[in-house]
Amino acid sequence: MRPGYNTNGFAHHRLEDAVEILRELGYESIALTVDYCHPPPTSMPMFCVIETGARFLLDPRRKHQPTLVGVDSGPRRAFLRECIALCSRL
């Protein structure tokens, strides 16, 4: 097990600063929330997972929309494919 933390808790920090603080606190992994506040890095000095719960990334007016089970799930599917590709680069 690698103790980790989610970048949602550092929404107002630069990603580099959040990583440094988390490492100082003893965390070994980080869950990156792919959202406006933290663009995905190309390399990370910690074990990393991708968290896809960005609330208004796909629709700025409706939280967590569109969903996979909605009528228009295409944008959500494309977002998840991009996150999978990001995982392979990290």
PDB file of N, CA and C in Angstrom:
ATOM      1  N   MET A   1       0.848  -1.176   0.000  1.00  0.00           N
ATOM      2  CA  MET A   1       0.000   0.000   0.000  1.00  0.00           C
ATOM      3  C   MET A   1       0.894   1.240   0.000  1.00  0.00           C
ATOM      4  N   ARG A   2       0.503   2.239  -0.778  1.00  0.00           N
ATOM      5  CA  ARG A   2       1.201   3.511  -0.840  1.00  0.00           C
ATOM      6  C   ARG A   2       0.236   4.612  -0.429  1.00  0.00           C
ATOM      7  N   PRO A   3       0.436   5.230   0.728  1.00  0.00           N
ATOM      8  CA  PRO A   3      -0.481   6.298   1.134  1.00  0.00           C
ATOM      9  C   PRO A   3      -0.486   7.418   0.108  1.00  0.00           C
ATOM     10  N   GLY A   4      -1.670   7.894  -0.241  1.00  0.00           N
ATOM     11  CA  GLY A   4      -1.790   8.934  -1.250  1.00  0.00           C
ATOM     12  C   GLY A   4      -2.813   9.990  -0.895  1.00  0.00           C
ATOM     13  N   TYR A   5      -2.872  11.006  -1.730  1.00  0.00           N
ATOM     14  CA  TYR A   5      -3.779  12.135  -1.517  1.00  0.00           C
ATOM     15  C   TYR A   5      -4.279  12.609  -2.870  1.00  0.00           C
ATOM     16  N   ASN A   6      -5.462  13.195  -2.901  1.00  0.00           N
ATOM     17  CA  ASN A   6      -6.081  13.664  -4.138  1.00  0.00           C
ATOM     18  C   ASN A   6      -5.805  15.149  -4.339  1.00  0.00           C
ATOM     19  N   THR A   7      -5.504  15.555  -5.552  1.00  0.00           N
ATOM     20  CA  THR A   7      -5.192  16.961  -5.829  1.00  0.00           C
ATOM     21  C   THR A   7      -6.371  17.896  -5.630  1.00  0.00           C
ATOM     22  N   ASN A   8      -7.586  17.377  -5.450  1.00  0.00           N
ATOM     23  CA  ASN A   8      -8.719  18.260  -5.145  1.00  0.00           C
ATOM     24  C   ASN A   8      -8.451  19.084  -3.893  1.00  0.00           C
ATOM     25  N   GLY A   9      -7.701  18.524  -2.959  1.00  0.00           N
ATOM     26  CA  GLY A   9      -7.376  19.217  -1.717  1.00  0.00           C
ATOM     27  C   GLY A   9      -6.359  20.330  -1.893  1.00  0.00           C
ATOM     28  N   PHE A  10      -5.785  20.435  -3.073  1.00  0.00           N
ATOM     29  CA  PHE A  10      -4.806  21.474  -3.385  1.00  0.00           C
ATOM     30  C   PHE A  10      -5.237  22.259  -4.619  1.00  0.00           C
ATOM     31  N   ALA A  11      -6.497  22.547  -4.711  1.00  0.00           N
ATOM     32  CA  ALA A  11      -7.040  23.216  -5.904  1.00  0.00           C
ATOM     33  C   ALA A  11      -6.471  24.610  -6.128  1.00  0.00           C
ATOM     34  N   HIS A  12      -5.943  25.220  -5.083  1.00  0.00           N
ATOM     35  CA  HIS A  12      -5.427  26.584  -5.224  1.00  0.00           C
ATOM     36  C   HIS A  12      -3.909  26.637  -5.135  1.00  0.00           C
ATOM     37  N   HIS A  13      -3.268  25.509  -5.294  1.00  0.00           N
ATOM     38  CA  HIS A  13      -1.811  25.423  -5.308  1.00  0.00           C
ATOM     39  C   HIS A  13      -1.339  25.053  -6.717  1.00  0.00           C
ATOM     40  N   ARG A  14      -0.133  25.470  -7.055  1.00  0.00           N
ATOM     41  CA  ARG A  14       0.482  24.945  -8.275  1.00  0.00           C
ATOM     42  C   ARG A  14       0.722  23.462  -8.041  1.00  0.00           C
ATOM     43  N   LEU A  15       0.592  22.648  -9.074  1.00  0.00           N
ATOM     44  CA  LEU A  15       0.739  21.207  -8.930  1.00  0.00           C
ATOM     45  C   LEU A  15       2.113  20.849  -8.367  1.00  0.00           C
ATOM     46  N   GLU A  16       3.151  21.521  -8.821  1.00  0.00           N
ATOM     47  CA  GLU A  16       4.500  21.238  -8.334  1.00  0.00           C
ATOM     48  C   GLU A  16       4.602  21.478  -6.827  1.00  0.00           C
ATOM     49  N   ASP A  17       3.970  22.539  -6.333  1.00  0.00           N
ATOM     50  CA  ASP A  17       3.983  22.826  -4.902  1.00  0.00           C
ATOM     51  C   ASP A  17       3.201  21.771  -4.129  1.00  0.00           C
ATOM     52  N   ALA A  18       2.056  21.354  -4.659  1.00  0.00           N
ATOM     53  CA  ALA A  18       1.252  20.335  -3.994  1.00  0.00           C
ATOM     54  C   ALA A  18       2.036  19.032  -3.862  1.00  0.00           C
ATOM     55  N   VAL A  19       2.729  18.641  -4.926  1.00  0.00           N
ATOM     56  CA  VAL A  19       3.518  17.407  -4.888  1.00  0.00           C
ATOM     57  C   VAL A  19       4.617  17.521  -3.838  1.00  0.00           C
ATOM     58  N   GLU A  20       5.307  18.642  -3.801  1.00  0.00           N
ATOM     59  CA  GLU A  20       6.385  18.838  -2.829  1.00  0.00           C
ATOM     60  C   GLU A  20       5.855  18.756  -1.391  1.00  0.00           C
ATOM     61  N   ILE A  21       4.747  19.416  -1.135  1.00  0.00           N
ATOM     62  CA  ILE A  21       4.151  19.400   0.208  1.00  0.00           C
ATOM     63  C   ILE A  21       3.731  17.986   0.589  1.00  0.00           C
ATOM     64  N   LEU A  22       3.088  17.279  -0.329  1.00  0.00           N
ATOM     65  CA  LEU A  22       2.633  15.921  -0.039  1.00  0.00           C
ATOM     66  C   LEU A  22       3.801  14.984   0.237  1.00  0.00           C
ATOM     67  N   ARG A  23       4.888  15.134  -0.518  1.00  0.00           N
ATOM     68  CA  ARG A  23       6.072  14.300  -0.264  1.00  0.00           C
ATOM     69  C   ARG A  23       6.653  14.613   1.109  1.00  0.00           C
ATOM     70  N   GLU A  24       6.681  15.901   1.473  1.00  0.00           N
ATOM     71  CA  GLU A  24       7.186  16.288   2.793  1.00  0.00           C
ATOM     72  C   GLU A  24       6.331  15.684   3.912  1.00  0.00           C
ATOM     73  N   LEU A  25       5.041  15.524   3.655  1.00  0.00           N
ATOM     74  CA  LEU A  25       4.129  14.959   4.647  1.00  0.00           C
ATOM     75  C   LEU A  25       4.173  13.428   4.695  1.00  0.00           C
ATOM     76  N   GLY A  26       4.924  12.828   3.794  1.00  0.00           N
ATOM     77  CA  GLY A  26       5.087  11.385   3.805  1.00  0.00           C
ATOM     78  C   GLY A  26       4.229  10.615   2.821  1.00  0.00           C
ATOM     79  N   TYR A  27       3.466  11.303   1.993  1.00  0.00           N
ATOM     80  CA  TYR A  27       2.659  10.599   0.997  1.00  0.00           C
ATOM     81  C   TYR A  27       3.573  10.064  -0.100  1.00  0.00           C
ATOM     82  N   GLU A  28       3.209   8.908  -0.635  1.00  0.00           N
ATOM     83  CA  GLU A  28       3.996   8.269  -1.683  1.00  0.00           C
ATOM     84  C   GLU A  28       3.285   8.244  -3.027  1.00  0.00           C
ATOM     85  N   SER A  29       2.018   8.602  -3.035  1.00  0.00           N
ATOM     86  CA  SER A  29       1.261   8.578  -4.284  1.00  0.00           C
ATOM     87  C   SER A  29       0.301   9.761  -4.319  1.00  0.00           C
ATOM     88  N   ILE A  30      -0.197  10.013  -5.522  1.00  0.00           N
ATOM     89  CA  ILE A  30      -1.094  11.146  -5.705  1.00  0.00           C
ATOM     90  C   ILE A  30      -2.170  10.756  -6.712  1.00  0.00           C
ATOM     91  N   ALA A  31      -3.388  11.188  -6.470  1.00  0.00           N
ATOM     92  CA  ALA A  31      -4.482  10.996  -7.419  1.00  0.00           C
ATOM     93  C   ALA A  31      -4.690  12.330  -8.113  1.00  0.00           C
ATOM     94  N   LEU A  32      -4.361  12.389  -9.380  1.00  0.00           N
ATOM     95  CA  LEU A  32      -4.521  13.625 -10.145  1.00  0.00           C
ATOM     96  C   LEU A  32      -5.943  13.752 -10.633  1.00  0.00           C
ATOM     97  N   THR A  33      -6.584  14.828 -10.283  1.00  0.00           N
ATOM     98  CA  THR A  33      -7.899  15.120 -10.819  1.00  0.00           C
ATOM     99  C   THR A  33      -7.693  15.905 -12.103  1.00  0.00           C
ATOM    100  N   VAL A  34      -8.045  15.297 -13.216  1.00  0.00           N
ATOM    101  CA  VAL A  34      -7.883  15.960 -14.506  1.00  0.00           C
ATOM    102  C   VAL A  34      -8.992  16.995 -14.617  1.00  0.00           C
ATOM    103  N   ASP A  35      -8.650  18.254 -14.404  1.00  0.00           N
ATOM    104  CA  ASP A  35      -9.622  19.341 -14.362  1.00  0.00           C
ATOM    105  C   ASP A  35      -8.905  20.627 -14.748  1.00  0.00           C
ATOM    106  N   TYR A  36      -9.606  21.731 -14.731  1.00  0.00           N
ATOM    107  CA  TYR A  36      -9.023  23.010 -15.107  1.00  0.00           C
ATOM    108  C   TYR A  36      -7.884  23.437 -14.200  1.00  0.00           C
ATOM    109  N   CYS A  37      -7.992  23.172 -12.913  1.00  0.00           N
ATOM    110  CA  CYS A  37      -7.009  23.691 -11.962  1.00  0.00           C
ATOM    111  C   CYS A  37      -5.679  22.956 -12.018  1.00  0.00           C
ATOM    112  N   HIS A  38      -5.636  21.714 -12.468  1.00  0.00           N
ATOM    113  CA  HIS A  38      -4.397  20.967 -12.529  1.00  0.00           C
ATOM    114  C   HIS A  38      -4.260  20.274 -13.880  1.00  0.00           C
ATOM    115  N   PRO A  39      -3.633  20.923 -14.828  1.00  0.00           N
ATOM    116  CA  PRO A  39      -3.396  20.238 -16.101  1.00  0.00           C
ATOM    117  C   PRO A  39      -2.476  19.048 -15.871  1.00  0.00           C
ATOM    118  N   PRO A  40      -2.657  17.977 -16.616  1.00  0.00           N
ATOM    119  CA  PRO A  40      -1.860  16.780 -16.376  1.00  0.00           C
ATOM    120  C   PRO A  40      -0.385  16.992 -16.700  1.00  0.00           C
ATOM    121  N   PRO A  41       0.516  16.545 -15.820  1.00  0.00           N
ATOM    122  CA  PRO A  41       1.950  16.660 -16.083  1.00  0.00           C
ATOM    123  C   PRO A  41       2.416  15.541 -17.002  1.00  0.00           C
ATOM    124  N   THR A  42       3.579  15.713 -17.591  1.00  0.00           N
ATOM    125  CA  THR A  42       4.131  14.645 -18.426  1.00  0.00           C
ATOM    126  C   THR A  42       4.975  13.691 -17.610  1.00  0.00           C
ATOM    127  N   SER A  43       5.426  14.107 -16.436  1.00  0.00           N
ATOM    128  CA  SER A  43       6.153  13.203 -15.544  1.00  0.00           C
ATOM    129  C   SER A  43       5.796  13.572 -14.111  1.00  0.00           C
ATOM    130  N   MET A  44       5.912  12.617 -13.225  1.00  0.00           N
ATOM    131  CA  MET A  44       5.514  12.832 -11.828  1.00  0.00           C
ATOM    132  C   MET A  44       6.486  12.074 -10.938  1.00  0.00           C
ATOM    133  N   PRO A  45       7.039  12.720  -9.891  1.00  0.00           N
ATOM    134  CA  PRO A  45       7.999  12.040  -9.025  1.00  0.00           C
ATOM    135  C   PRO A  45       7.343  11.145  -7.970  1.00  0.00           C
ATOM    136  N   MET A  46       6.068  10.880  -8.095  1.00  0.00           N
ATOM    137  CA  MET A  46       5.353  10.016  -7.161  1.00  0.00           C
ATOM    138  C   MET A  46       4.585   8.973  -7.958  1.00  0.00           C
ATOM    139  N   PHE A  47       4.186   7.878  -7.304  1.00  0.00           N
ATOM    140  CA  PHE A  47       3.265   6.930  -7.911  1.00  0.00           C
ATOM    141  C   PHE A  47       1.967   7.687  -8.166  1.00  0.00           C
ATOM    142  N   CYS A  48       1.352   7.471  -9.310  1.00  0.00           N
ATOM    143  CA  CYS A  48       0.224   8.319  -9.695  1.00  0.00           C
ATOM    144  C   CYS A  48      -0.952   7.500 -10.216  1.00  0.00           C
ATOM    145  N   VAL A  49      -2.159   7.926  -9.855  1.00  0.00           N
ATOM    146  CA  VAL A  49      -3.383   7.415 -10.454  1.00  0.00           C
ATOM    147  C   VAL A  49      -4.143   8.616 -11.011  1.00  0.00           C
ATOM    148  N   ILE A  50      -5.039   8.360 -11.917  1.00  0.00           N
ATOM    149  CA  ILE A  50      -5.844   9.428 -12.513  1.00  0.00           C
ATOM    150  C   ILE A  50      -7.247   9.356 -11.941  1.00  0.00           C
ATOM    151  N   GLU A  51      -7.742  10.484 -11.473  1.00  0.00           N
ATOM    152  CA  GLU A  51      -9.079  10.591 -10.892  1.00  0.00           C
ATOM    153  C   GLU A  51      -9.922  11.394 -11.876  1.00  0.00           C
ATOM    154  N   THR A  52     -11.066  10.873 -12.263  1.00  0.00           N
ATOM    155  CA  THR A  52     -11.844  11.471 -13.349  1.00  0.00           C
ATOM    156  C   THR A  52     -13.111  12.179 -12.879  1.00  0.00           C
ATOM    157  N   GLY A  53     -13.137  12.632 -11.642  1.00  0.00           N
ATOM    158  CA  GLY A  53     -14.350  13.240 -11.104  1.00  0.00           C
ATOM    159  C   GLY A  53     -14.467  14.738 -11.304  1.00  0.00           C
ATOM    160  N   ALA A  54     -13.862  15.275 -12.337  1.00  0.00           N
ATOM    161  CA  ALA A  54     -13.956  16.711 -12.600  1.00  0.00           C
ATOM    162  C   ALA A  54     -15.427  17.098 -12.734  1.00  0.00           C
ATOM    163  N   ARG A  55     -15.864  18.022 -11.909  1.00  0.00           N
ATOM    164  CA  ARG A  55     -17.291  18.304 -11.812  1.00  0.00           C
ATOM    165  C   ARG A  55     -17.880  19.034 -13.021  1.00  0.00           C
ATOM    166  N   PHE A  56     -17.218  20.061 -13.490  1.00  0.00           N
ATOM    167  CA  PHE A  56     -17.799  20.881 -14.552  1.00  0.00           C
ATOM    168  C   PHE A  56     -16.919  20.943 -15.799  1.00  0.00           C
ATOM    169  N   LEU A  57     -16.013  19.998 -15.964  1.00  0.00           N
ATOM    170  CA  LEU A  57     -15.087  20.021 -17.086  1.00  0.00           C
ATOM    171  C   LEU A  57     -15.793  19.862 -18.425  1.00  0.00           C
ATOM    172  N   LEU A  58     -16.739  18.956 -18.508  1.00  0.00           N
ATOM    173  CA  LEU A  58     -17.410  18.683 -19.781  1.00  0.00           C
ATOM    174  C   LEU A  58     -18.629  19.567 -20.024  1.00  0.00           C
ATOM    175  N   ASP A  59     -19.271  20.006 -18.976  1.00  0.00           N
ATOM    176  CA  ASP A  59     -20.438  20.881 -19.095  1.00  0.00           C
ATOM    177  C   ASP A  59     -20.378  21.897 -17.954  1.00  0.00           C
ATOM    178  N   PRO A  60     -20.052  23.146 -18.250  1.00  0.00           N
ATOM    179  CA  PRO A  60     -19.882  24.141 -17.193  1.00  0.00           C
ATOM    180  C   PRO A  60     -21.162  24.508 -16.457  1.00  0.00           C
ATOM    181  N   ARG A  61     -22.316  24.053 -16.937  1.00  0.00           N
ATOM    182  CA  ARG A  61     -23.588  24.399 -16.308  1.00  0.00           C
ATOM    183  C   ARG A  61     -24.207  23.265 -15.502  1.00  0.00           C
ATOM    184  N   ARG A  62     -23.750  22.020 -15.768  1.00  0.00           N
ATOM    185  CA  ARG A  62     -24.347  20.859 -15.098  1.00  0.00           C
ATOM    186  C   ARG A  62     -23.243  19.981 -14.517  1.00  0.00           C
ATOM    187  N   LYS A  63     -23.276  19.801 -13.223  1.00  0.00           N
ATOM    188  CA  LYS A  63     -22.255  19.032 -12.517  1.00  0.00           C
ATOM    189  C   LYS A  63     -22.225  17.579 -12.992  1.00  0.00           C
ATOM    190  N   HIS A  64     -21.032  17.090 -13.281  1.00  0.00           N
ATOM    191  CA  HIS A  64     -20.760  15.705 -13.677  1.00  0.00           C
ATOM    192  C   HIS A  64     -21.486  15.277 -14.956  1.00  0.00           C
ATOM    193  N   GLN A  65     -21.843  16.197 -15.805  1.00  0.00           N
ATOM    194  CA  GLN A  65     -22.550  15.855 -17.041  1.00  0.00           C
ATOM    195  C   GLN A  65     -21.632  16.045 -18.239  1.00  0.00           C
ATOM    196  N   PRO A  66     -21.814  15.303 -19.275  1.00  0.00           N
ATOM    197  CA  PRO A  66     -22.690  14.150 -19.446  1.00  0.00           C
ATOM    198  C   PRO A  66     -22.103  12.913 -18.758  1.00  0.00           C
ATOM    199  N   THR A  67     -22.974  11.975 -18.470  1.00  0.00           N
ATOM    200  CA  THR A  67     -22.556  10.739 -17.807  1.00  0.00           C
ATOM    201  C   THR A  67     -22.442   9.612 -18.832  1.00  0.00           C
ATOM    202  N   LEU A  68     -21.929   8.478 -18.389  1.00  0.00           N
ATOM    203  CA  LEU A  68     -21.839   7.316 -19.278  1.00  0.00           C
ATOM    204  C   LEU A  68     -23.202   6.716 -19.580  1.00  0.00           C
ATOM    205  N   VAL A  69     -24.166   6.918 -18.695  1.00  0.00           N
ATOM    206  CA  VAL A  69     -25.481   6.316 -18.904  1.00  0.00           C
ATOM    207  C   VAL A  69     -26.485   7.307 -19.498  1.00  0.00           C
ATOM    208  N   GLY A  70     -26.044   8.519 -19.788  1.00  0.00           N
ATOM    209  CA  GLY A  70     -26.933   9.516 -20.366  1.00  0.00           C
ATOM    210  C   GLY A  70     -27.131   9.302 -21.860  1.00  0.00           C
ATOM    211  N   VAL A  71     -28.024  10.070 -22.423  1.00  0.00           N
ATOM    212  CA  VAL A  71     -28.331   9.974 -23.856  1.00  0.00           C
ATOM    213  C   VAL A  71     -27.099  10.294 -24.701  1.00  0.00           C
ATOM    214  N   ASP A  72     -26.349  11.341 -24.328  1.00  0.00           N
ATOM    215  CA  ASP A  72     -25.163  11.742 -25.081  1.00  0.00           C
ATOM    216  C   ASP A  72     -23.911  11.436 -24.264  1.00  0.00           C
ATOM    217  N   SER A  73     -23.504  10.173 -24.255  1.00  0.00           N
ATOM    218  CA  SER A  73     -22.347   9.759 -23.458  1.00  0.00           C
ATOM    219  C   SER A  73     -21.026   9.924 -24.201  1.00  0.00           C
ATOM    220  N   GLY A  74     -21.071  10.359 -25.453  1.00  0.00           N
ATOM    221  CA  GLY A  74     -19.858  10.498 -26.269  1.00  0.00           C
ATOM    222  C   GLY A  74     -18.771  11.348 -25.634  1.00  0.00           C
ATOM    223  N   PRO A  75     -19.098  12.564 -25.136  1.00  0.00           N
ATOM    224  CA  PRO A  75     -18.052  13.377 -24.515  1.00  0.00           C
ATOM    225  C   PRO A  75     -17.421  12.716 -23.290  1.00  0.00           C
ATOM    226  N   ARG A  76     -18.219  12.025 -22.487  1.00  0.00           N
ATOM    227  CA  ARG A  76     -17.672  11.338 -21.306  1.00  0.00           C
ATOM    228  C   ARG A  76     -16.748  10.209 -21.737  1.00  0.00           C
ATOM    229  N   ARG A  77     -17.163   9.460 -22.751  1.00  0.00           N
ATOM    230  CA  ARG A  77     -16.326   8.371 -23.245  1.00  0.00           C
ATOM    231  C   ARG A  77     -15.008   8.906 -23.800  1.00  0.00           C
ATOM    232  N   ALA A  78     -15.060  10.007 -24.525  1.00  0.00           N
ATOM    233  CA  ALA A  78     -13.833  10.609 -25.069  1.00  0.00           C
ATOM    234  C   ALA A  78     -12.913  11.080 -23.942  1.00  0.00           C
ATOM    235  N   PHE A  79     -13.492  11.682 -22.901  1.00  0.00           N
ATOM    236  CA  PHE A  79     -12.715  12.133 -21.752  1.00  0.00           C
ATOM    237  C   PHE A  79     -12.021  10.948 -21.075  1.00  0.00           C
ATOM    238  N   LEU A  80     -12.741   9.860 -20.890  1.00  0.00           N
ATOM    239  CA  LEU A  80     -12.154   8.681 -20.250  1.00  0.00           C
ATOM    240  C   LEU A  80     -11.047   8.076 -21.113  1.00  0.00           C
ATOM    241  N   ARG A  81     -11.223   8.088 -22.441  1.00  0.00           N
ATOM    242  CA  ARG A  81     -10.158   7.605 -23.330  1.00  0.00           C
ATOM    243  C   ARG A  81      -8.910   8.475 -23.198  1.00  0.00           C
ATOM    244  N   GLU A  82      -9.100   9.795 -23.086  1.00  0.00           N
ATOM    245  CA  GLU A  82      -7.961  10.696 -22.902  1.00  0.00           C
ATOM    246  C   GLU A  82      -7.254  10.414 -21.571  1.00  0.00           C
ATOM    247  N   CYS A  83      -8.021  10.128 -20.530  1.00  0.00           N
ATOM    248  CA  CYS A  83      -7.432   9.819 -19.231  1.00  0.00           C
ATOM    249  C   CYS A  83      -6.640   8.509 -19.279  1.00  0.00           C
ATOM    250  N   ILE A  84      -7.148   7.536 -20.008  1.00  0.00           N
ATOM    251  CA  ILE A  84      -6.424   6.266 -20.168  1.00  0.00           C
ATOM    252  C   ILE A  84      -5.106   6.511 -20.912  1.00  0.00           C
ATOM    253  N   ALA A  85      -5.154   7.345 -21.939  1.00  0.00           N
ATOM    254  CA  ALA A  85      -3.921   7.682 -22.670  1.00  0.00           C
ATOM    255  C   ALA A  85      -2.939   8.408 -21.754  1.00  0.00           C
ATOM    256  N   LEU A  86      -3.436   9.288 -20.896  1.00  0.00           N
ATOM    257  CA  LEU A  86      -2.582   9.986 -19.941  1.00  0.00           C
ATOM    258  C   LEU A  86      -1.908   8.994 -19.009  1.00  0.00           C
ATOM    259  N   CYS A  87      -2.643   7.997 -18.561  1.00  0.00           N
ATOM    260  CA  CYS A  87      -2.059   6.967 -17.688  1.00  0.00           C
ATOM    261  C   CYS A  87      -0.867   6.289 -18.352  1.00  0.00           C
ATOM    262  N   SER A  88      -0.992   5.990 -19.623  1.00  0.00           N
ATOM    263  CA  SER A  88       0.113   5.301 -20.305  1.00  0.00           C
ATOM    264  C   SER A  88       1.337   6.210 -20.414  1.00  0.00           C
ATOM    265  N   ARG A  89       1.132   7.533 -20.495  1.00  0.00           N
ATOM    266  CA  ARG A  89       2.275   8.460 -20.569  1.00  0.00           C
ATOM    267  C   ARG A  89       2.931   8.662 -19.206  1.00  0.00           C
ATOM    268  N   LEU A  90       2.155   8.553 -18.131  1.00  0.00           N
ATOM    269  CA  LEU A  90       2.725   8.730 -16.799  1.00  0.00           C
ATOM    270  C   LEU A  90       3.449   7.486 -16.349  1.00  0.00           C
TER     271      LEU A  90
END
